[in-house]
Structure formats: C-alpha cells, structure tokens
Amino acid sequence: MLRINNLVKSYDGEQRRRSRTARAEPDRVYAVNDVTFDVADGELFTLLGPSGCGKTTTLRSIAGLERPDSGTIEVGGRVLFAGRGPGKEPGKGPGRPVNVPANERGLGMVFQSYAIWPHMTVFDNVAFPLQVRRRATRPGKKEINQKVMQVLATMELADLAGRQATKLSGGQQQRLALARALVIEPPLLLLDEPLSNLDAKLRESLRYELKRLQRELGITSVYVTHDQTEALVLSTSIAVMRGGNVVQLGRPREIYENPNSRFVAEFIGTSNFISGVVEAKDGSSYSIRTDDGPLVLDASSDIPVGGEVVVSIRPEAVEVGLTSRAGEVPNEWTGKVLTRAFLGEAVDHVVTVGRHEIRARGNPSVSIAADTEVYVRLDPAKLALVPVD
C-alpha cells in the first residue's frame, strides 16, 4: 500500500567557513536520513521515537506538507513524490521529479491539535472535505448527507450532528477529527500524535477505540507517537527512529523482547542492563560472564565468543524471593531490597546486586520491605543480548 524508499529531508544548519577565503556555507541537518519502509494493506504502522528523531517530518512528507530532498513515496502504486536521483536531470526520462500537491493526494490526516473548525457544527466539520471537492468529483447533497451520517454513526457522534464543535469533550473532538479524515474514504490515514492532548485515563480508553475502529474499517494507517505504550497497544508494525534513521523495524512483541540496541531497549519500556562477555555459545544458548556472576540465556543474536555484550533484562523477567532455589533454576543471585513501589496492578522492587540496582516487577501480593536480604532470579528465556554501542 505505502512504499517509502531512501527518503531524505534536510535543512540548513549553522553557517561555517571552511577556510578564510571560502564563503560561509551552511551545514546540512538531516531530519530524515535515507529512510525506507513498506506498509501493507490494513496495517497500522507506527513511527516511534523521541522528539527530533524525524518521525513527524516523515509523516508530513507523506502528506505533502514537506518536500523531501530525495527518495520516493508511493501509495497504492501511485507515485506521490519522486526526487531527482543522482546524475539525473530534471525533466529527462525516469529521473523526472514528481511532487503531487497535498490537496491532490487524497490522504486523510488527523493532527495533534485536531484542527476542529469552531464556527461549524459537528455535521458541517465532517461534510466540509466533501463540499470543497472539485465540481466533477463532488458528491450531491443527498450523498454527502448519507456519507457524513454514516461515519458519525461509526464514531458514535450521530446524536451530536447538530452540536457546535466547541461544545464537545476532548474525546469527542478527537473522534470528530477522525470522522472528518475518514469521510473522504482515503487509501491511507495519517495520524500525528492524536491522543497526546488528552488526560491519561481518556487516552488509554481511546487507544483501544482507535485499535477497534482501525481493524473494523481495515484502513491502512501510519501513526506517529513518542509514547511506547501507545505504540505497543496500537501497532501492527513499529519503526523505531533515532536521529533521522530507522534503527529497528518489526512487530511490537519482537521489538520489545529482542531490541537490537541499548537505545531501543531503553526507549521501548524499562530495562535493566548488565555488561558482560560471551564465555560460551551453543546455537542460541549463551553463557555470559559478568562482574556479579554468570548468566545463561537464549538469544537469536549472532555474537561470537569473547564478544562484549549488554544483557537487557525487563523488570517482569526478574523474580524476587526470600528463599533460594539454587540448583533448581539458573541465574540466581543474592541481593538486598533498596526500595519498593506499589503500582496497583504490580509492585516494583529495586534490589542492589553487586554494583547494580535491578528493578523487578511482580505480583502486588508480594511486597518485601527495604533492607531485606533476597534472592534474585533472571528468566533465561526473557533476557536479550544487545551489542555494545
């Protein structure tokens, strides 16, 4: 459905003189640096990363609100953007640039601010994209009414069709913005952090509502967020971005359980990190030597014996107990509880083990006081190896 190839977008940076006689020229700042990915029909594909990583610039380039330096953007086989390739002259053969204007791309977009028109009713907000179409493609009044009421019913806003848009709640405004994007029946829906302005409880409920709607309607979507929980809940696939590059691409569970770098492991959830060296390897089974003791684990990584690694340990992979199970289970270390925190659905313990402070997350029925000597067990199947950056 969506194909992005070698997309590059840069801006002028600071002015720097190369020599005393040379003219000051700006360095280039790459907001998007050679990004490539495909989105299949019906997928909800998420661009995830910290502020300034290039995710919104990528989305705006797809929408036609930014003009990339180079690369190609295709939706459903239709080329929306094609920059000039190396050595190609504009207007000559296959190197001819293409840049379809944003209003001719036919894509739906929901912005972070919703951009609801306050002087219009709910109905008029949704009808507007259809009413301003060119005369040749503009539906009749009866068809517009039918389409608008159908999409409002899907968003559970049909009873509010005559209400002023400013008299809606935050969640209703978010659904109204989504209805306005969907009424044109776009081949691709673009969502730029649409839930970030909502309170935490409403944001959580609307995540599942968005997931349900996207699956029921089967609309191919590209979603931008810096919220890793949101990305894990909503996405079919995730592209983690950093410094204008896609650093890992995969399914949510794959990225969470097998991060390919310390950056990804830190950004996707919470992790404990322990440095070590590969002491032995047998297929996917690894024996790691660390300063605080040996670790055994299963990993799909391809790191040779003697290679330096970082073991990524999710808090839920750590079990804390008052009695030893040495000989029954591997990876048991001794430690002392530093602090604990009740989270409602879980309890976090921070345990000092040698030079490390390891966070463990477990059942709320288990709560161990600070300064208690404990045994820490690390599940070999839930540990991941990442190379040293």
Protein backbone atom coordinates (compact mmCIF):
# COMPACT_ATOMS: atom_id res chain seq x y z
CA MET A 1 0.00 0.00 0.00
CA LEU A 2 2.62 2.56 1.14
CA ARG A 3 6.20 2.35 -0.03
CA ILE A 4 8.93 4.74 1.15
CA ASN A 5 12.35 4.43 -0.50
CA ASN A 6 15.53 6.26 0.52
CA LEU A 7 13.67 9.31 1.82
CA VAL A 8 15.91 12.25 2.75
CA LYS A 9 14.89 15.63 4.17
CA SER A 10 17.46 18.15 5.38
CA TYR A 11 17.57 21.75 6.49
CA ASP A 12 20.25 24.43 6.57
CA GLY A 13 22.23 24.29 9.80
CA GLU A 14 24.82 26.65 11.22
CA GLN A 15 26.90 28.80 8.87
CA ARG A 16 30.52 27.62 8.91
CA ARG A 17 33.58 28.86 6.99
CA ARG A 18 35.72 26.11 5.52
CA SER A 19 38.73 28.47 5.23
CA ARG A 20 39.47 32.18 5.41
CA THR A 21 38.89 32.63 1.71
CA ALA A 22 35.89 30.31 1.37
CA ARG A 23 32.36 31.61 1.58
CA ALA A 24 30.40 30.58 4.66
CA GLU A 25 28.15 27.66 3.79
CA PRO A 26 25.50 26.05 5.96
CA ASP A 27 25.97 22.55 7.27
CA ARG A 28 23.03 20.29 6.49
CA VAL A 29 20.88 19.00 9.34
CA TYR A 30 19.21 15.73 8.34
CA ALA A 31 15.73 15.42 9.82
CA VAL A 32 15.14 12.25 7.77
CA ASN A 33 18.19 10.36 6.56
CA ASP A 34 17.69 7.60 3.96
CA VAL A 35 14.51 6.12 5.45
CA THR A 36 12.97 3.07 3.74
CA PHE A 37 9.95 1.01 4.77
CA ASP A 38 6.76 -0.60 3.41
CA VAL A 39 3.28 -0.60 4.92
CA ALA A 40 0.93 -3.41 3.86
CA ASP A 41 -2.81 -3.08 3.25
CA GLY A 42 -4.78 -2.85 6.51
CA GLU A 43 -1.72 -2.30 8.72
CA LEU A 44 -1.42 0.27 11.48
CA PHE A 45 2.25 1.21 11.14
CA THR A 46 3.78 3.34 13.88
CA LEU A 47 6.75 5.69 13.68
CA LEU A 48 8.08 5.77 17.24
CA GLY A 49 10.89 7.80 18.71
CA PRO A 50 11.93 10.76 20.87
CA SER A 51 11.38 14.39 19.91
CA GLY A 52 13.54 15.42 16.95
CA CYS A 53 14.03 11.88 15.60
CA GLY A 54 12.30 12.60 12.26
CA LYS A 55 9.00 10.79 12.70
CA THR A 56 6.73 13.80 12.16
CA THR A 57 8.85 15.04 9.24
CA THR A 58 8.42 11.62 7.62
CA LEU A 59 4.65 11.77 8.14
CA ARG A 60 4.43 15.33 6.79
CA SER A 61 6.44 14.28 3.75
CA ILE A 62 3.91 11.52 3.04
CA ALA A 63 1.09 14.04 3.44
CA GLY A 64 2.74 16.53 1.07
CA LEU A 65 3.28 19.15 3.78
CA GLU A 66 7.07 18.83 3.48
CA ARG A 67 9.09 18.49 0.29
CA PRO A 68 11.90 15.92 0.75
CA ASP A 69 15.32 16.33 -0.85
CA SER A 70 15.22 12.91 -2.47
CA GLY A 71 13.64 9.48 -2.37
CA THR A 72 10.22 8.18 -3.42
CA ILE A 73 6.78 7.94 -1.83
CA GLU A 74 4.13 5.64 -3.36
CA VAL A 75 0.60 4.92 -2.18
CA GLY A 76 -1.28 2.09 -3.86
CA GLY A 77 1.20 2.12 -6.75
CA ARG A 78 0.67 5.84 -7.36
CA VAL A 79 3.84 7.93 -7.09
CA LEU A 80 3.22 10.93 -4.85
CA PHE A 81 6.82 12.08 -4.65
CA ALA A 82 9.96 11.21 -6.57
CA GLY A 83 13.06 13.29 -6.04
CA ARG A 84 15.81 13.70 -8.56
CA GLY A 85 18.15 10.72 -8.38
CA PRO A 86 21.94 11.04 -8.62
CA GLY A 87 23.08 12.01 -12.07
CA LYS A 88 19.56 12.55 -13.37
CA GLU A 89 18.47 15.81 -14.90
CA PRO A 90 15.00 17.18 -14.13
CA GLY A 91 12.51 16.66 -16.90
CA LYS A 92 14.50 13.92 -18.61
CA GLY A 93 13.31 10.32 -18.64
CA PRO A 94 12.89 8.35 -15.42
CA GLY A 95 14.69 10.99 -13.38
CA ARG A 96 11.85 13.49 -13.73
CA PRO A 97 10.80 14.76 -10.25
CA VAL A 98 7.24 14.25 -9.07
CA ASN A 99 5.58 16.14 -6.21
CA VAL A 100 1.79 15.78 -6.05
CA PRO A 101 0.28 18.69 -4.05
CA ALA A 102 -1.11 17.81 -0.61
CA ASN A 103 -4.70 18.59 -1.63
CA GLU A 104 -4.47 16.17 -4.58
CA ARG A 105 -3.03 13.20 -2.69
CA GLY A 106 -6.39 12.13 -1.29
CA LEU A 107 -4.98 11.14 2.09
CA GLY A 108 -6.71 11.54 5.46
CA MET A 109 -4.84 13.23 8.28
CA VAL A 110 -5.55 13.79 11.97
CA PHE A 111 -3.35 16.40 13.63
CA GLN A 112 -2.20 16.62 17.22
CA SER A 113 -4.37 19.74 17.74
CA TYR A 114 -7.40 18.20 15.91
CA ALA A 115 -7.90 21.49 13.96
CA ILE A 116 -11.67 21.42 14.51
CA TRP A 117 -13.47 24.42 12.96
CA PRO A 118 -15.14 26.09 15.96
CA HIS A 119 -17.73 28.05 13.95
CA MET A 120 -19.18 24.86 12.41
CA THR A 121 -21.41 22.13 13.73
CA VAL A 122 -20.26 18.54 14.05
CA PHE A 123 -22.04 17.70 10.78
CA ASP A 124 -20.52 20.63 8.88
CA ASN A 125 -17.00 19.82 10.10
CA VAL A 126 -17.26 16.33 8.64
CA ALA A 127 -19.07 17.44 5.46
CA PHE A 128 -16.58 20.17 4.59
CA PRO A 129 -13.93 17.97 2.86
CA LEU A 130 -16.63 16.64 0.53
CA GLN A 131 -18.19 20.05 -0.12
CA VAL A 132 -14.92 21.65 -1.27
CA ARG A 133 -14.05 18.97 -3.81
CA ARG A 134 -13.83 19.94 -7.45
CA ARG A 135 -17.23 20.08 -9.09
CA ALA A 136 -16.52 17.00 -11.23
CA THR A 137 -15.87 14.79 -8.19
CA ARG A 138 -18.10 16.49 -5.64
CA PRO A 139 -20.97 14.27 -4.36
CA GLY A 140 -24.54 15.57 -4.34
CA LYS A 141 -26.16 16.87 -1.15
CA LYS A 142 -28.02 13.63 -0.55
CA GLU A 143 -24.86 11.54 -0.90
CA ILE A 144 -22.89 13.93 1.32
CA ASN A 145 -25.57 13.67 4.00
CA GLN A 146 -25.52 9.89 3.78
CA LYS A 147 -21.71 9.64 3.97
CA VAL A 148 -21.46 12.09 6.87
CA MET A 149 -24.15 10.43 8.96
CA GLN A 150 -22.64 7.02 8.28
CA VAL A 151 -19.20 8.00 9.52
CA LEU A 152 -20.67 9.91 12.50
CA ALA A 153 -22.58 6.76 13.45
CA THR A 154 -19.33 4.78 13.31
CA MET A 155 -17.72 7.34 15.64
CA GLU A 156 -20.82 7.31 17.91
CA LEU A 157 -21.40 11.02 17.19
CA ALA A 158 -24.60 10.81 15.15
CA ASP A 159 -26.71 12.18 18.03
CA LEU A 160 -24.40 15.22 18.21
CA ALA A 161 -24.50 16.12 14.50
CA GLY A 162 -26.17 19.49 15.13
CA ARG A 163 -23.99 20.49 18.09
CA GLN A 164 -21.31 23.18 17.83
CA ALA A 165 -17.87 21.58 17.67
CA THR A 166 -16.62 23.69 20.61
CA LYS A 167 -19.22 22.08 22.88
CA LEU A 168 -17.69 18.61 22.55
CA SER A 169 -15.43 16.93 25.11
CA GLY A 170 -11.79 16.22 24.30
CA GLY A 171 -12.53 12.61 23.40
CA GLN A 172 -15.46 13.62 21.21
CA GLN A 173 -13.32 16.19 19.39
CA GLN A 174 -10.71 13.53 18.74
CA ARG A 175 -13.37 11.27 17.22
CA LEU A 176 -14.72 14.20 15.20
CA ALA A 177 -11.26 14.85 13.71
CA LEU A 178 -11.03 11.17 12.86
CA ALA A 179 -14.50 11.22 11.26
CA ARG A 180 -13.52 14.18 9.10
CA ALA A 181 -10.43 12.32 7.89
CA LEU A 182 -12.38 9.12 7.16
CA VAL A 183 -15.35 10.64 5.31
CA ILE A 184 -13.30 11.04 2.10
CA GLU A 185 -12.53 7.28 2.22
CA PRO A 186 -8.77 7.77 1.96
CA PRO A 187 -6.46 4.98 0.84
CA LEU A 188 -4.13 5.94 3.70
CA LEU A 189 -4.81 7.57 7.07
CA LEU A 190 -2.06 9.63 8.74
CA LEU A 191 -2.22 10.29 12.49
CA ASP A 192 0.18 12.73 14.17
CA GLU A 193 0.09 12.07 17.94
CA PRO A 194 -3.71 12.43 18.02
CA LEU A 195 -4.07 11.40 21.67
CA SER A 196 -1.31 13.48 23.25
CA ASN A 197 -3.62 16.34 24.34
CA LEU A 198 -5.94 14.05 26.33
CA ASP A 199 -5.75 13.14 30.01
CA ALA A 200 -4.17 9.79 30.87
CA LYS A 201 -7.40 7.84 31.51
CA LEU A 202 -9.16 9.09 28.37
CA ARG A 203 -6.02 8.50 26.31
CA GLU A 204 -5.91 4.87 27.46
CA SER A 205 -9.56 4.21 26.60
CA LEU A 206 -9.25 5.87 23.19
CA ARG A 207 -6.23 3.73 22.31
CA TYR A 208 -8.46 0.68 22.30
CA GLU A 209 -11.21 2.57 20.49
CA LEU A 210 -8.77 3.55 17.74
CA LYS A 211 -7.49 -0.01 17.51
CA ARG A 212 -11.04 -1.35 17.20
CA LEU A 213 -12.04 1.18 14.53
CA GLN A 214 -8.89 0.66 12.51
CA ARG A 215 -9.42 -3.11 12.47
CA GLU A 216 -13.14 -2.91 11.71
CA LEU A 217 -12.70 -0.40 8.87
CA GLY A 218 -9.48 -2.00 7.58
CA ILE A 219 -7.90 1.37 6.86
CA THR A 220 -4.15 1.39 6.27
CA SER A 221 -2.72 3.87 8.77
CA VAL A 222 0.59 5.50 9.69
CA TYR A 223 0.70 6.64 13.32
CA VAL A 224 3.29 8.94 14.90
CA THR A 225 3.95 8.87 18.65
CA HIS A 226 6.69 9.12 21.26
CA ASP A 227 4.61 7.03 23.70
CA GLN A 228 5.95 3.47 23.68
CA THR A 229 2.88 2.06 25.43
CA GLU A 230 0.65 3.59 22.76
CA ALA A 231 2.82 2.08 20.04
CA LEU A 232 2.75 -1.40 21.62
CA VAL A 233 -1.04 -1.33 22.07
CA LEU A 234 -2.00 0.01 18.64
CA SER A 235 0.56 -1.15 16.13
CA THR A 236 0.79 -3.95 13.64
CA SER A 237 4.40 -2.91 12.96
CA ILE A 238 6.73 -0.35 14.54
CA ALA A 239 9.67 1.60 13.14
CA VAL A 240 11.84 2.98 15.95
CA MET A 241 13.57 6.17 14.81
CA ARG A 242 16.63 7.98 16.10
CA GLY A 243 18.46 10.93 14.54
CA GLY A 244 16.52 10.70 11.28
CA ASN A 245 17.15 6.96 10.85
CA VAL A 246 15.05 3.84 11.36
CA VAL A 247 17.11 1.85 13.88
CA GLN A 248 14.75 -1.14 14.24
CA LEU A 249 11.69 -2.29 12.34
CA GLY A 250 9.40 -5.13 13.38
CA ARG A 251 6.33 -6.37 15.23
CA PRO A 252 5.67 -4.88 18.69
CA ARG A 253 6.48 -8.10 20.59
CA GLU A 254 9.63 -8.68 18.54
CA ILE A 255 10.96 -5.19 19.25
CA TYR A 256 10.07 -5.36 22.94
CA GLU A 257 11.54 -8.79 23.56
CA ASN A 258 14.51 -8.59 21.16
CA PRO A 259 15.77 -5.00 20.94
CA ASN A 260 18.75 -4.67 18.62
CA SER A 261 20.46 -1.90 20.60
CA ARG A 262 20.59 -0.38 24.05
CA PHE A 263 18.78 2.69 22.73
CA VAL A 264 15.78 0.61 21.60
CA ALA A 265 15.74 -1.39 24.84
CA GLU A 266 15.73 1.83 26.90
CA PHE A 267 13.14 3.57 24.75
CA ILE A 268 10.71 0.64 24.50
CA GLY A 269 9.74 0.11 28.11
CA THR A 270 12.04 -0.24 31.11
CA SER A 271 15.17 -2.39 31.19
CA ASN A 272 18.00 -3.36 33.48
CA PHE A 273 21.41 -3.52 31.78
CA ILE A 274 24.35 -5.69 32.79
CA SER A 275 27.60 -5.68 30.83
CA GLY A 276 29.45 -8.90 30.16
CA VAL A 277 31.47 -11.04 27.79
CA VAL A 278 30.33 -14.10 25.84
CA GLU A 279 32.11 -17.02 27.52
CA ALA A 280 30.49 -19.88 25.58
CA LYS A 281 27.92 -20.34 22.85
CA ASP A 282 25.95 -23.36 21.64
CA GLY A 283 23.46 -22.45 18.95
CA SER A 284 21.12 -19.93 20.54
CA SER A 285 22.32 -20.72 24.08
CA TYR A 286 24.81 -18.27 25.56
CA SER A 287 26.89 -18.25 28.71
CA ILE A 288 27.79 -14.71 29.76
CA ARG A 289 30.48 -13.74 32.27
CA THR A 290 29.64 -10.61 34.29
CA ASP A 291 31.27 -8.92 37.29
CA ASP A 292 28.45 -10.11 39.53
CA GLY A 293 28.26 -13.70 38.36
CA PRO A 294 27.49 -15.90 35.35
CA LEU A 295 24.33 -15.68 33.28
CA VAL A 296 22.87 -18.21 30.88
CA LEU A 297 20.25 -17.22 28.32
CA ASP A 298 18.71 -17.99 24.95
CA ALA A 299 19.09 -15.34 22.24
CA SER A 300 18.78 -15.08 18.49
CA SER A 301 21.79 -12.73 18.34
CA ASP A 302 24.95 -13.68 16.45
CA ILE A 303 27.72 -12.57 18.80
CA PRO A 304 30.98 -14.56 18.87
CA VAL A 305 32.73 -15.98 21.91
CA GLY A 306 34.80 -13.24 23.53
CA GLY A 307 32.49 -10.50 22.27
CA GLU A 308 31.41 -7.76 24.65
CA VAL A 309 27.65 -7.55 25.18
CA VAL A 310 24.99 -5.89 27.25
CA VAL A 311 22.28 -8.11 28.73
CA SER A 312 18.88 -6.39 28.63
CA ILE A 313 16.56 -7.57 31.42
CA ARG A 314 12.94 -6.44 31.58
CA PRO A 315 11.61 -5.95 35.15
CA GLU A 316 8.94 -8.62 34.62
CA ALA A 317 11.73 -11.13 33.84
CA VAL A 318 13.10 -10.70 37.38
CA GLU A 319 11.75 -12.80 40.26
CA VAL A 320 12.47 -11.78 43.85
CA GLY A 321 12.16 -14.29 46.67
CA LEU A 322 13.10 -14.85 50.31
CA THR A 323 14.32 -18.42 49.82
CA SER A 324 16.92 -19.86 47.49
CA ARG A 325 16.13 -22.19 44.60
CA ALA A 326 19.76 -22.77 43.65
CA GLY A 327 20.14 -25.95 41.63
CA GLU A 328 16.51 -25.82 40.50
CA VAL A 329 16.70 -22.71 38.35
CA PRO A 330 19.62 -20.86 36.69
CA ASN A 331 20.68 -17.24 37.12
CA GLU A 332 20.07 -16.86 40.87
CA TRP A 333 21.91 -14.01 42.57
CA THR A 334 21.74 -12.61 46.12
CA GLY A 335 20.91 -9.01 46.85
CA LYS A 336 19.21 -6.55 49.19
CA VAL A 337 15.96 -4.65 48.63
CA LEU A 338 16.76 -0.95 48.29
CA THR A 339 13.18 0.31 47.88
CA ARG A 340 9.74 -0.77 46.68
CA ALA A 341 6.80 0.94 44.96
CA PHE A 342 3.15 -0.13 44.84
CA LEU A 343 1.75 0.42 41.31
CA GLY A 344 -1.74 -1.00 41.79
CA GLU A 345 -1.55 -3.89 39.35
CA ALA A 346 2.06 -4.68 40.33
CA VAL A 347 4.83 -3.98 42.85
CA ASP A 348 8.28 -2.80 41.80
CA HIS A 349 11.29 -3.74 43.93
CA VAL A 350 14.71 -2.19 43.37
CA VAL A 351 17.35 -4.67 44.53
CA THR A 352 21.07 -3.97 44.87
CA VAL A 353 23.14 -6.81 43.40
CA GLY A 354 26.85 -6.09 43.50
CA ARG A 355 27.35 -2.81 41.65
CA HIS A 356 23.93 -2.94 40.02
CA GLU A 357 20.45 -1.84 41.01
CA ILE A 358 17.99 -4.25 39.42
CA ARG A 359 14.31 -3.41 39.10
CA ALA A 360 11.87 -6.29 39.46
CA ARG A 361 8.14 -6.14 38.73
CA GLY A 362 5.85 -8.76 40.20
CA ASN A 363 2.51 -9.66 41.71
CA PRO A 364 1.18 -6.98 44.11
CA SER A 365 0.60 -9.66 46.75
CA VAL A 366 4.40 -9.92 47.14
CA SER A 367 5.83 -6.87 48.89
CA ILE A 368 9.23 -7.05 50.58
CA ALA A 369 10.50 -4.34 52.91
CA ALA A 370 13.65 -2.34 52.29
CA ASP A 371 16.97 -3.75 53.62
CA THR A 372 15.68 -7.34 53.35
CA GLU A 373 18.16 -9.91 52.01
CA VAL A 374 16.61 -11.58 48.96
CA TYR A 375 17.36 -13.92 46.06
CA VAL A 376 17.04 -12.56 42.54
CA ARG A 377 16.28 -14.96 39.67
CA LEU A 378 16.55 -13.96 35.99
CA ASP A 379 14.50 -15.98 33.47
CA PRO A 380 16.89 -17.14 30.67
CA ALA A 381 14.09 -17.11 28.07
CA LYS A 382 13.30 -13.45 28.76
CA LEU A 383 16.80 -11.99 28.58
CA ALA A 384 18.08 -10.27 25.45
CA LEU A 385 21.59 -9.60 24.20
CA VAL A 386 22.45 -6.28 22.61
CA PRO A 387 25.84 -5.31 21.22
CA VAL A 388 27.93 -2.69 22.98
CA ASP A 389 27.24 0.71 21.34
